[in-house]
Each structure stands twice: as C-alpha cells, then as structure tokens.
PDB file of all heavy atoms in Angstrom:
ATOM      1  N   GLN A   1     -15.068-118.456-165.960  1.00  0.00           N
ATOM      2  CA  GLN A   1     -15.321-117.123-166.461  1.00  0.00           C
ATOM      3  C   GLN A   1     -14.018-116.446-166.835  1.00  0.00           C
ATOM      4  O   GLN A   1     -13.054-116.498-166.087  1.00  0.00           O
ATOM      5  CB  GLN A   1     -16.033-116.295-165.377  1.00  0.00           C
ATOM      6  CG  GLN A   1     -16.449-114.882-165.854  1.00  0.00           C
ATOM      7  CD  GLN A   1     -17.395-114.248-164.863  1.00  0.00           C
ATOM      8  OE1 GLN A   1     -18.171-114.912-164.189  1.00  0.00           O
ATOM      9  NE2 GLN A   1     -17.337-112.932-164.797  1.00  0.00           N
ATOM     10  N   THR A   2     -14.013-115.866-168.013  1.00  0.00           N
ATOM     11  CA  THR A   2     -12.929-115.034-168.497  1.00  0.00           C
ATOM     12  C   THR A   2     -13.533-113.738-169.021  1.00  0.00           C
ATOM     13  O   THR A   2     -14.689-113.669-169.367  1.00  0.00           O
ATOM     14  CB  THR A   2     -12.139-115.719-169.598  1.00  0.00           C
ATOM     15  OG1 THR A   2     -12.965-115.903-170.752  1.00  0.00           O
ATOM     16  CG2 THR A   2     -11.628-117.076-169.132  1.00  0.00           C
ATOM     17  N   PRO A   3     -12.688-112.690-169.103  1.00  0.00           N
ATOM     18  CA  PRO A   3     -13.196-111.440-169.675  1.00  0.00           C
ATOM     19  C   PRO A   3     -13.748-111.626-171.091  1.00  0.00           C
ATOM     20  O   PRO A   3     -14.720-110.965-171.473  1.00  0.00           O
ATOM     21  CB  PRO A   3     -11.995-110.495-169.635  1.00  0.00           C
ATOM     22  CG  PRO A   3     -11.160-111.051-168.531  1.00  0.00           C
ATOM     23  CD  PRO A   3     -11.336-112.525-168.581  1.00  0.00           C
ATOM     24  N   GLY A   4     -13.117-112.478-171.893  1.00  0.00           N
ATOM     25  CA  GLY A   4     -13.532-112.632-173.271  1.00  0.00           C
ATOM     26  C   GLY A   4     -14.735-113.561-173.459  1.00  0.00           C
ATOM     27  O   GLY A   4     -15.557-113.309-174.347  1.00  0.00           O
ATOM     28  N   ARG A   5     -14.847-114.582-172.641  1.00  0.00           N
ATOM     29  CA  ARG A   5     -15.886-115.590-172.862  1.00  0.00           C
ATOM     30  C   ARG A   5     -17.049-115.395-171.905  1.00  0.00           C
ATOM     31  O   ARG A   5     -18.116-116.040-172.121  1.00  0.00           O
ATOM     32  CB  ARG A   5     -15.315-116.988-172.677  1.00  0.00           C
ATOM     33  CG  ARG A   5     -14.216-117.380-173.632  1.00  0.00           C
ATOM     34  CD  ARG A   5     -13.956-118.879-173.590  1.00  0.00           C
ATOM     35  NE  ARG A   5     -13.596-119.358-172.262  1.00  0.00           N
ATOM     36  CZ  ARG A   5     -12.340-119.532-171.847  1.00  0.00           C
ATOM     37  NH1 ARG A   5     -11.283-119.261-172.668  1.00  0.00           N
ATOM     38  NH2 ARG A   5     -12.077-119.967-170.632  1.00  0.00           N
ATOM     39  N   GLY A   6     -16.924-114.615-170.896  1.00  0.00           N
ATOM     40  CA  GLY A   6     -17.941-114.547-169.875  1.00  0.00           C
ATOM     41  C   GLY A   6     -17.987-115.831-169.053  1.00  0.00           C
ATOM     42  O   GLY A   6     -16.961-116.561-168.967  1.00  0.00           O
ATOM     43  N   ARG A   7     -19.112-116.094-168.459  1.00  0.00           N
ATOM     44  CA  ARG A   7     -19.241-117.275-167.635  1.00  0.00           C
ATOM     45  C   ARG A   7     -19.897-118.403-168.462  1.00  0.00           C
ATOM     46  O   ARG A   7     -20.994-118.228-168.988  1.00  0.00           O
ATOM     47  CB  ARG A   7     -20.064-117.022-166.380  1.00  0.00           C
ATOM     48  CG  ARG A   7     -20.061-118.175-165.400  1.00  0.00           C
ATOM     49  CD  ARG A   7     -20.723-117.794-164.069  1.00  0.00           C
ATOM     50  NE  ARG A   7     -19.985-116.714-163.402  1.00  0.00           N
ATOM     51  CZ  ARG A   7     -20.244-116.318-162.131  1.00  0.00           C
ATOM     52  NH1 ARG A   7     -21.215-116.895-161.447  1.00  0.00           N
ATOM     53  NH2 ARG A   7     -19.542-115.351-161.610  1.00  0.00           N
ATOM     54  N   GLU A   8     -19.223-119.553-168.525  1.00  0.00           N
ATOM     55  CA  GLU A   8     -19.717-120.668-169.258  1.00  0.00           C
ATOM     56  C   GLU A   8     -19.731-121.914-168.386  1.00  0.00           C
ATOM     57  O   GLU A   8     -18.858-122.102-167.522  1.00  0.00           O
ATOM     58  CB  GLU A   8     -18.892-120.883-170.523  1.00  0.00           C
ATOM     59  CG  GLU A   8     -17.425-121.172-170.267  1.00  0.00           C
ATOM     60  CD  GLU A   8     -16.609-121.302-171.526  1.00  0.00           C
ATOM     61  OE1 GLU A   8     -17.184-121.373-172.620  1.00  0.00           O
ATOM     62  OE2 GLU A   8     -15.362-121.317-171.429  1.00  0.00           O
ATOM     63  N   GLY A   9     -20.661-122.805-168.668  1.00  0.00           N
ATOM     64  CA  GLY A   9     -20.772-124.053-167.903  1.00  0.00           C
ATOM     65  C   GLY A   9     -19.705-125.030-168.347  1.00  0.00           C
ATOM     66  O   GLY A   9     -19.488-125.228-169.527  1.00  0.00           O
ATOM     67  N   VAL A  10     -19.090-125.678-167.371  1.00  0.00           N
ATOM     68  CA  VAL A  10     -18.061-126.669-167.631  1.00  0.00           C
ATOM     69  C   VAL A  10     -18.607-128.086-167.470  1.00  0.00           C
ATOM     70  O   VAL A  10     -18.460-128.938-168.344  1.00  0.00           O
ATOM     71  CB  VAL A  10     -16.827-126.471-166.728  1.00  0.00           C
ATOM     72  CG1 VAL A  10     -15.809-127.561-166.980  1.00  0.00           C
ATOM     73  CG2 VAL A  10     -16.221-125.091-166.914  1.00  0.00           C
ATOM     74  N   SER A  11     -19.236-128.315-166.326  1.00  0.00           N
ATOM     75  CA  SER A  11     -19.713-129.668-165.995  1.00  0.00           C
ATOM     76  C   SER A  11     -20.744-129.565-164.925  1.00  0.00           C
ATOM     77  O   SER A  11     -20.831-128.556-164.195  1.00  0.00           O
ATOM     78  CB  SER A  11     -18.518-130.519-165.539  1.00  0.00           C
ATOM     79  OG  SER A  11     -18.889-131.851-165.311  1.00  0.00           O
ATOM     80  N   CYS A  12     -21.563-130.618-164.799  1.00  0.00           N
ATOM     81  CA  CYS A  12     -22.575-130.642-163.746  1.00  0.00           C
ATOM     82  C   CYS A  12     -22.746-132.032-163.209  1.00  0.00           C
ATOM     83  O   CYS A  12     -22.347-133.027-163.850  1.00  0.00           O
ATOM     84  CB  CYS A  12     -23.929-130.093-164.272  1.00  0.00           C
ATOM     85  SG  CYS A  12     -24.716-131.109-165.517  1.00  0.00           S
ATOM     86  N   THR A  13     -23.316-132.072-162.025  1.00  0.00           N
ATOM     87  CA  THR A  13     -23.598-133.344-161.353  1.00  0.00           C
ATOM     88  C   THR A  13     -24.850-133.283-160.547  1.00  0.00           C
ATOM     89  O   THR A  13     -25.210-132.247-160.000  1.00  0.00           O
ATOM     90  CB  THR A  13     -22.390-133.758-160.462  1.00  0.00           C
ATOM     91  OG1 THR A  13     -22.679-135.035-159.882  1.00  0.00           O
ATOM     92  CG2 THR A  13     -22.156-132.760-159.378  1.00  0.00           C
ATOM     93  N   SER A  14     -25.587-134.354-160.563  1.00  0.00           N
ATOM     94  CA  SER A  14     -26.717-134.547-159.698  1.00  0.00           C
ATOM     95  C   SER A  14     -26.585-135.908-159.028  1.00  0.00           C
ATOM     96  O   SER A  14     -25.557-136.600-159.206  1.00  0.00           O
ATOM     97  CB  SER A  14     -28.012-134.488-160.471  1.00  0.00           C
ATOM     98  OG  SER A  14     -28.219-135.671-161.243  1.00  0.00           O
ATOM     99  N   TYR A  15     -27.553-136.290-158.228  1.00  0.00           N
ATOM    100  CA  TYR A  15     -27.451-137.583-157.566  1.00  0.00           C
ATOM    101  C   TYR A  15     -27.493-138.744-158.534  1.00  0.00           C
ATOM    102  O   TYR A  15     -27.091-139.860-158.165  1.00  0.00           O
ATOM    103  CB  TYR A  15     -28.545-137.749-156.493  1.00  0.00           C
ATOM    104  CG  TYR A  15     -29.924-138.001-157.069  1.00  0.00           C
ATOM    105  CD1 TYR A  15     -30.381-139.315-157.235  1.00  0.00           C
ATOM    106  CD2 TYR A  15     -30.776-136.951-157.386  1.00  0.00           C
ATOM    107  CE1 TYR A  15     -31.658-139.555-157.736  1.00  0.00           C
ATOM    108  CE2 TYR A  15     -32.068-137.205-157.879  1.00  0.00           C
ATOM    109  CZ  TYR A  15     -32.495-138.505-158.047  1.00  0.00           C
ATOM    110  OH  TYR A  15     -33.756-138.744-158.535  1.00  0.00           O
ATOM    111  N   ARG A  16     -27.891-138.504-159.783  1.00  0.00           N
ATOM    112  CA  ARG A  16     -28.065-139.613-160.709  1.00  0.00           C
ATOM    113  C   ARG A  16     -27.334-139.441-162.024  1.00  0.00           C
ATOM    114  O   ARG A  16     -27.344-140.386-162.835  1.00  0.00           O
ATOM    115  CB  ARG A  16     -29.554-139.855-160.962  1.00  0.00           C
ATOM    116  CG  ARG A  16     -30.280-138.695-161.584  1.00  0.00           C
ATOM    117  CD  ARG A  16     -31.688-139.132-161.900  1.00  0.00           C
ATOM    118  NE  ARG A  16     -31.735-140.102-162.980  1.00  0.00           N
ATOM    119  CZ  ARG A  16     -32.835-140.704-163.401  1.00  0.00           C
ATOM    120  NH1 ARG A  16     -33.986-140.493-162.809  1.00  0.00           N
ATOM    121  NH2 ARG A  16     -32.758-141.576-164.396  1.00  0.00           N
ATOM    122  N   ASP A  17     -26.759-138.251-162.331  1.00  0.00           N
ATOM    123  CA  ASP A  17     -26.093-138.120-163.599  1.00  0.00           C
ATOM    124  C   ASP A  17     -24.991-137.060-163.507  1.00  0.00           C
ATOM    125  O   ASP A  17     -25.003-136.177-162.620  1.00  0.00           O
ATOM    126  CB  ASP A  17     -27.053-137.806-164.730  1.00  0.00           C
ATOM    127  CG  ASP A  17     -27.605-136.399-164.698  1.00  0.00           C
ATOM    128  OD1 ASP A  17     -27.881-135.873-163.582  1.00  0.00           O
ATOM    129  OD2 ASP A  17     -27.840-135.819-165.777  1.00  0.00           O
ATOM    130  N   ASN A  18     -24.061-137.150-164.418  1.00  0.00           N
ATOM    131  CA  ASN A  18     -23.002-136.144-164.660  1.00  0.00           C
ATOM    132  C   ASN A  18     -22.993-135.792-166.125  1.00  0.00           C
ATOM    133  O   ASN A  18     -23.289-136.596-166.978  1.00  0.00           O
ATOM    134  CB  ASN A  18     -21.639-136.702-164.272  1.00  0.00           C
ATOM    135  CG  ASN A  18     -21.542-137.125-162.804  1.00  0.00           C
ATOM    136  OD1 ASN A  18     -22.198-136.540-161.922  1.00  0.00           O
ATOM    137  ND2 ASN A  18     -20.706-138.127-162.558  1.00  0.00           N
ATOM    138  N   GLU A  19     -22.596-134.556-166.390  1.00  0.00           N
ATOM    139  CA  GLU A  19     -22.472-134.102-167.795  1.00  0.00           C
ATOM    140  C   GLU A  19     -21.210-133.248-167.908  1.00  0.00           C
ATOM    141  O   GLU A  19     -20.824-132.540-166.944  1.00  0.00           O
ATOM    142  CB  GLU A  19     -23.683-133.282-168.206  1.00  0.00           C
ATOM    143  CG  GLU A  19     -24.996-134.018-168.201  1.00  0.00           C
ATOM    144  CD  GLU A  19     -25.137-134.988-169.366  1.00  0.00           C
ATOM    145  OE1 GLU A  19     -24.375-134.880-170.328  1.00  0.00           O
ATOM    146  OE2 GLU A  19     -26.037-135.857-169.299  1.00  0.00           O
ATOM    147  N   ILE A  20     -20.603-133.285-169.047  1.00  0.00           N
ATOM    148  CA  ILE A  20     -19.567-132.351-169.444  1.00  0.00           C
ATOM    149  C   ILE A  20     -20.131-131.463-170.524  1.00  0.00           C
ATOM    150  O   ILE A  20     -20.595-131.955-171.575  1.00  0.00           O
ATOM    151  CB  ILE A  20     -18.304-133.098-169.959  1.00  0.00           C
ATOM    152  CG1 ILE A  20     -17.731-134.006-168.881  1.00  0.00           C
ATOM    153  CG2 ILE A  20     -17.264-132.066-170.413  1.00  0.00           C
ATOM    154  CD1 ILE A  20     -17.156-133.255-167.662  1.00  0.00           C
ATOM    155  N   TRP A  21     -20.089-130.155-170.296  1.00  0.00           N
ATOM    156  CA  TRP A  21     -20.677-129.228-171.252  1.00  0.00           C
ATOM    157  C   TRP A  21     -19.734-128.727-172.303  1.00  0.00           C
ATOM    158  O   TRP A  21     -20.177-128.326-173.357  1.00  0.00           O
ATOM    159  CB  TRP A  21     -21.230-128.023-170.475  1.00  0.00           C
ATOM    160  CG  TRP A  21     -22.513-128.273-169.756  1.00  0.00           C
ATOM    161  CD1 TRP A  21     -23.621-129.016-170.195  1.00  0.00           C
ATOM    162  CD2 TRP A  21     -22.911-127.734-168.467  1.00  0.00           C
ATOM    163  NE1 TRP A  21     -24.622-128.972-169.276  1.00  0.00           N
ATOM    164  CE2 TRP A  21     -24.227-128.206-168.206  1.00  0.00           C
ATOM    165  CE3 TRP A  21     -22.292-126.947-167.548  1.00  0.00           C
ATOM    166  CZ2 TRP A  21     -24.885-127.871-167.043  1.00  0.00           C
ATOM    167  CZ3 TRP A  21     -22.941-126.632-166.371  1.00  0.00           C
ATOM    168  CH2 TRP A  21     -24.219-127.088-166.126  1.00  0.00           C
ATOM    169  N   ILE A  22     -18.453-128.720-172.030  1.00  0.00           N
ATOM    170  CA  ILE A  22     -17.471-128.133-172.944  1.00  0.00           C
ATOM    171  C   ILE A  22     -16.690-129.276-173.608  1.00  0.00           C
ATOM    172  O   ILE A  22     -16.012-130.068-172.921  1.00  0.00           O
ATOM    173  CB  ILE A  22     -16.517-127.201-172.210  1.00  0.00           C
ATOM    174  CG1 ILE A  22     -17.311-126.036-171.558  1.00  0.00           C
ATOM    175  CG2 ILE A  22     -15.457-126.659-173.166  1.00  0.00           C
ATOM    176  CD1 ILE A  22     -16.416-125.079-170.788  1.00  0.00           C
ATOM    177  N   ASP A  23     -16.776-129.358-174.889  1.00  0.00           N
ATOM    178  CA  ASP A  23     -16.143-130.438-175.612  1.00  0.00           C
ATOM    179  C   ASP A  23     -14.646-130.480-175.403  1.00  0.00           C
ATOM    180  O   ASP A  23     -14.053-131.574-175.313  1.00  0.00           O
ATOM    181  CB  ASP A  23     -16.407-130.334-177.118  1.00  0.00           C
ATOM    182  CG  ASP A  23     -17.834-130.720-177.475  1.00  0.00           C
ATOM    183  OD1 ASP A  23     -18.514-131.398-176.685  1.00  0.00           O
ATOM    184  OD2 ASP A  23     -18.270-130.382-178.595  1.00  0.00           O
ATOM    185  N   SER A  24     -14.017-129.344-175.301  1.00  0.00           N
ATOM    186  CA  SER A  24     -12.553-129.286-175.206  1.00  0.00           C
ATOM    187  C   SER A  24     -11.998-129.838-173.909  1.00  0.00           C
ATOM    188  O   SER A  24     -10.820-130.082-173.803  1.00  0.00           O
ATOM    189  CB  SER A  24     -12.055-127.861-175.414  1.00  0.00           C
ATOM    190  OG  SER A  24     -12.505-127.007-174.398  1.00  0.00           O
ATOM    191  N   VAL A  25     -12.855-130.032-172.895  1.00  0.00           N
ATOM    192  CA  VAL A  25     -12.372-130.632-171.641  1.00  0.00           C
ATOM    193  C   VAL A  25     -12.727-132.081-171.470  1.00  0.00           C
ATOM    194  O   VAL A  25     -12.267-132.740-170.516  1.00  0.00           O
ATOM    195  CB  VAL A  25     -12.859-129.831-170.397  1.00  0.00           C
ATOM    196  CG1 VAL A  25     -12.596-128.322-170.561  1.00  0.00           C
ATOM    197  CG2 VAL A  25     -14.335-130.094-170.115  1.00  0.00           C
ATOM    198  N   LYS A  26     -13.494-132.625-172.428  1.00  0.00           N
ATOM    199  CA  LYS A  26     -13.850-134.020-172.338  1.00  0.00           C
ATOM    200  C   LYS A  26     -12.587-134.882-172.437  1.00  0.00           C
ATOM    201  O   LYS A  26     -11.723-134.639-173.263  1.00  0.00           O
ATOM    202  CB  LYS A  26     -14.839-134.393-173.445  1.00  0.00           C
ATOM    203  CG  LYS A  26     -16.199-133.786-173.249  1.00  0.00           C
ATOM    204  CD  LYS A  26     -17.168-134.176-174.361  1.00  0.00           C
ATOM    205  CE  LYS A  26     -18.540-133.609-174.128  1.00  0.00           C
ATOM    206  NZ  LYS A  26     -19.486-133.944-175.211  1.00  0.00           N
ATOM    207  N   GLY A  27     -12.504-135.878-171.561  1.00  0.00           N
ATOM    208  CA  GLY A  27     -11.324-136.708-171.498  1.00  0.00           C
ATOM    209  C   GLY A  27     -10.237-136.136-170.610  1.00  0.00           C
ATOM    210  O   GLY A  27      -9.253-136.854-170.310  1.00  0.00           O
ATOM    211  N   ARG A  28     -10.368-134.897-170.204  1.00  0.00           N
ATOM    212  CA  ARG A  28      -9.391-134.274-169.283  1.00  0.00           C
ATOM    213  C   ARG A  28      -9.999-133.938-167.933  1.00  0.00           C
ATOM    214  O   ARG A  28      -9.301-134.044-166.933  1.00  0.00           O
ATOM    215  CB  ARG A  28      -8.814-133.016-169.924  1.00  0.00           C
ATOM    216  CG  ARG A  28      -8.112-133.250-171.248  1.00  0.00           C
ATOM    217  CD  ARG A  28      -7.344-131.993-171.711  1.00  0.00           C
ATOM    218  NE  ARG A  28      -8.273-130.899-172.029  1.00  0.00           N
ATOM    219  CZ  ARG A  28      -8.281-129.727-171.422  1.00  0.00           C
ATOM    220  NH1 ARG A  28      -7.447-129.493-170.425  1.00  0.00           N
ATOM    221  NH2 ARG A  28      -9.156-128.804-171.771  1.00  0.00           N
ATOM    222  N   PHE A  29     -11.243-133.508-167.911  1.00  0.00           N
ATOM    223  CA  PHE A  29     -11.892-133.109-166.660  1.00  0.00           C
ATOM    224  C   PHE A  29     -12.886-134.163-166.255  1.00  0.00           C
ATOM    225  O   PHE A  29     -13.613-134.758-167.104  1.00  0.00           O
ATOM    226  CB  PHE A  29     -12.639-131.783-166.824  1.00  0.00           C
ATOM    227  CG  PHE A  29     -11.777-130.549-167.017  1.00  0.00           C
ATOM    228  CD1 PHE A  29     -10.417-130.649-167.227  1.00  0.00           C
ATOM    229  CD2 PHE A  29     -12.366-129.294-166.950  1.00  0.00           C
ATOM    230  CE1 PHE A  29      -9.628-129.531-167.405  1.00  0.00           C
ATOM    231  CE2 PHE A  29     -11.604-128.186-167.122  1.00  0.00           C
ATOM    232  CZ  PHE A  29     -10.232-128.271-167.345  1.00  0.00           C
ATOM    233  N   THR A  30     -13.008-134.398-164.951  1.00  0.00           N
ATOM    234  CA  THR A  30     -13.961-135.325-164.393  1.00  0.00           C
ATOM    235  C   THR A  30     -14.638-134.727-163.187  1.00  0.00           C
ATOM    236  O   THR A  30     -13.964-134.218-162.304  1.00  0.00           O
ATOM    237  CB  THR A  30     -13.311-136.654-163.966  1.00  0.00           C
ATOM    238  OG1 THR A  30     -12.631-137.248-165.082  1.00  0.00           O
ATOM    239  CG2 THR A  30     -14.341-137.641-163.452  1.00  0.00           C
ATOM    240  N   ILE A  31     -15.961-134.753-163.176  1.00  0.00           N
ATOM    241  CA  ILE A  31     -16.699-134.274-162.014  1.00  0.00           C
ATOM    242  C   ILE A  31     -17.110-135.460-161.154  1.00  0.00           C
ATOM    243  O   ILE A  31     -17.384-136.545-161.657  1.00  0.00           O
ATOM    244  CB  ILE A  31     -17.955-133.442-162.464  1.00  0.00           C
ATOM    245  CG1 ILE A  31     -18.506-132.644-161.299  1.00  0.00           C
ATOM    246  CG2 ILE A  31     -18.997-134.302-163.090  1.00  0.00           C
ATOM    247  CD1 ILE A  31     -19.509-131.586-161.730  1.00  0.00           C
ATOM    248  N   SER A  32     -17.113-135.266-159.852  1.00  0.00           N
ATOM    249  CA  SER A  32     -17.527-136.314-158.947  1.00  0.00           C
ATOM    250  C   SER A  32     -18.138-135.697-157.725  1.00  0.00           C
ATOM    251  O   SER A  32     -17.981-134.483-157.441  1.00  0.00           O
ATOM    252  CB  SER A  32     -16.351-137.218-158.571  1.00  0.00           C
ATOM    253  OG  SER A  32     -15.322-136.484-157.928  1.00  0.00           O
ATOM    254  N   ARG A  33     -18.827-136.481-156.944  1.00  0.00           N
ATOM    255  CA  ARG A  33     -19.479-135.994-155.736  1.00  0.00           C
ATOM    256  C   ARG A  33     -19.238-136.961-154.587  1.00  0.00           C
ATOM    257  O   ARG A  33     -19.274-138.196-154.758  1.00  0.00           O
ATOM    258  CB  ARG A  33     -20.989-135.773-155.988  1.00  0.00           C
ATOM    259  CG  ARG A  33     -21.731-137.024-156.418  1.00  0.00           C
ATOM    260  CD  ARG A  33     -23.081-136.677-157.061  1.00  0.00           C
ATOM    261  NE  ARG A  33     -24.094-136.212-156.120  1.00  0.00           N
ATOM    262  CZ  ARG A  33     -24.653-135.001-156.175  1.00  0.00           C
ATOM    263  NH1 ARG A  33     -24.321-134.163-157.129  1.00  0.00           N
ATOM    264  NH2 ARG A  33     -25.569-134.680-155.262  1.00  0.00           N
ATOM    265  N   ASP A  34     -18.972-136.415-153.412  1.00  0.00           N
ATOM    266  CA  ASP A  34     -18.804-137.165-152.198  1.00  0.00           C
ATOM    267  C   ASP A  34     -20.011-136.903-151.345  1.00  0.00           C
ATOM    268  O   ASP A  34     -20.178-135.798-150.780  1.00  0.00           O
ATOM    269  CB  ASP A  34     -17.510-136.778-151.491  1.00  0.00           C
ATOM    270  CG  ASP A  34     -17.207-137.628-150.306  1.00  0.00           C
ATOM    271  OD1 ASP A  34     -18.121-138.083-149.610  1.00  0.00           O
ATOM    272  OD2 ASP A  34     -16.009-137.873-150.050  1.00  0.00           O
ATOM    273  N   ARG A  35     -20.877-137.881-151.221  1.00  0.00           N
ATOM    274  CA  ARG A  35     -22.153-137.699-150.507  1.00  0.00           C
ATOM    275  C   ARG A  35     -21.986-137.674-148.988  1.00  0.00           C
ATOM    276  O   ARG A  35     -22.893-137.246-148.279  1.00  0.00           O
ATOM    277  CB  ARG A  35     -23.144-138.770-150.930  1.00  0.00           C
ATOM    278  CG  ARG A  35     -23.449-138.765-152.419  1.00  0.00           C
ATOM    279  CD  ARG A  35     -24.289-139.975-152.882  1.00  0.00           C
ATOM    280  NE  ARG A  35     -25.647-139.862-152.359  1.00  0.00           N
ATOM    281  CZ  ARG A  35     -26.556-140.801-152.562  1.00  0.00           C
ATOM    282  NH1 ARG A  35     -26.253-141.935-153.243  1.00  0.00           N
ATOM    283  NH2 ARG A  35     -27.787-140.646-152.083  1.00  0.00           N
ATOM    284  N   VAL A  36     -20.832-138.135-148.512  1.00  0.00           N
ATOM    285  CA  VAL A  36     -20.551-138.027-147.089  1.00  0.00           C
ATOM    286  C   VAL A  36     -20.061-136.654-146.741  1.00  0.00           C
ATOM    287  O   VAL A  36     -20.510-136.051-145.721  1.00  0.00           O
ATOM    288  CB  VAL A  36     -19.525-139.123-146.667  1.00  0.00           C
ATOM    289  CG1 VAL A  36     -19.127-138.964-145.223  1.00  0.00           C
ATOM    290  CG2 VAL A  36     -20.099-140.524-146.911  1.00  0.00           C
ATOM    291  N   LYS A  37     -19.157-136.130-147.507  1.00  0.00           N
ATOM    292  CA  LYS A  37     -18.594-134.810-147.270  1.00  0.00           C
ATOM    293  C   LYS A  37     -19.426-133.675-147.851  1.00  0.00           C
ATOM    294  O   LYS A  37     -19.095-132.500-147.626  1.00  0.00           O
ATOM    295  CB  LYS A  37     -17.172-134.735-147.809  1.00  0.00           C
ATOM    296  CG  LYS A  37     -16.200-135.671-147.170  1.00  0.00           C
ATOM    297  CD  LYS A  37     -14.816-135.533-147.768  1.00  0.00           C
ATOM    298  CE  LYS A  37     -13.827-136.449-147.106  1.00  0.00           C
ATOM    299  NZ  LYS A  37     -12.469-136.308-147.664  1.00  0.00           N
ATOM    300  N   ASN A  38     -20.473-133.995-148.606  1.00  0.00           N
ATOM    301  CA  ASN A  38     -21.264-132.981-149.288  1.00  0.00           C
ATOM    302  C   ASN A  38     -20.368-132.054-150.147  1.00  0.00           C
ATOM    303  O   ASN A  38     -20.523-130.830-150.146  1.00  0.00           O
ATOM    304  CB  ASN A  38     -22.074-132.150-148.312  1.00  0.00           C
ATOM    305  CG  ASN A  38     -23.180-132.955-147.635  1.00  0.00           C
ATOM    306  OD1 ASN A  38     -23.546-134.029-148.072  1.00  0.00           O
ATOM    307  ND2 ASN A  38     -23.701-132.430-146.540  1.00  0.00           N
ATOM    308  N   THR A  39     -19.457-132.662-150.848  1.00  0.00           N
ATOM    309  CA  THR A  39     -18.480-131.939-151.632  1.00  0.00           C
ATOM    310  C   THR A  39     -18.476-132.446-153.069  1.00  0.00           C
ATOM    311  O   THR A  39     -18.552-133.656-153.292  1.00  0.00           O
ATOM    312  CB  THR A  39     -17.077-132.086-151.008  1.00  0.00           C
ATOM    313  OG1 THR A  39     -17.120-131.519-149.701  1.00  0.00           O
ATOM    314  CG2 THR A  39     -16.042-131.364-151.837  1.00  0.00           C
ATOM    315  N   VAL A  40     -18.353-131.513-153.979  1.00  0.00           N
ATOM    316  CA  VAL A  40     -18.229-131.828-155.405  1.00  0.00           C
ATOM    317  C   VAL A  40     -16.822-131.469-155.836  1.00  0.00           C
ATOM    318  O   VAL A  40     -16.284-130.420-155.447  1.00  0.00           O
ATOM    319  CB  VAL A  40     -19.286-131.089-156.238  1.00  0.00           C
ATOM    320  CG1 VAL A  40     -19.031-131.271-157.728  1.00  0.00           C
ATOM    321  CG2 VAL A  40     -20.664-131.568-155.876  1.00  0.00           C
ATOM    322  N   TYR A  41     -16.238-132.328-156.655  1.00  0.00           N
ATOM    323  CA  TYR A  41     -14.867-132.129-157.135  1.00  0.00           C
ATOM    324  C   TYR A  41     -14.867-131.955-158.644  1.00  0.00           C
ATOM    325  O   TYR A  41     -15.716-132.484-159.346  1.00  0.00           O
ATOM    326  CB  TYR A  41     -13.999-133.322-156.751  1.00  0.00           C
ATOM    327  CG  TYR A  41     -13.968-133.585-155.263  1.00  0.00           C
ATOM    328  CD1 TYR A  41     -14.759-134.567-154.713  1.00  0.00           C
ATOM    329  CD2 TYR A  41     -13.118-132.855-154.438  1.00  0.00           C
ATOM    330  CE1 TYR A  41     -14.697-134.824-153.336  1.00  0.00           C
ATOM    331  CE2 TYR A  41     -13.069-133.086-153.086  1.00  0.00           C
ATOM    332  CZ  TYR A  41     -13.863-134.065-152.549  1.00  0.00           C
ATOM    333  OH  TYR A  41     -13.848-134.354-151.185  1.00  0.00           O
TER     334      TYR A  41
END
C-alpha cells in the first residue's frame, strides 16, 4: 500500500498453488510457505 496506489495484491499462496499478481515483481519476488512453522515468506 502506498498513498498513490492504495492497497494492491503482490502475491498469494495456497497449499497447492502460488501466484504473482504484479508483473513488475516477477523474477524478483518469490512467495513460499513453511507448513511446519505456519509461516509465509
């Protein structure tokens, strides 16, 4: 979220899929999930 853009989705994860929503971060950002720690990175 920024004052100019508002809140926008960057990336998401479920138990079976991941998505990158913003083209400009593809190749730079990676989402992952640790099912032991119940933590998303």
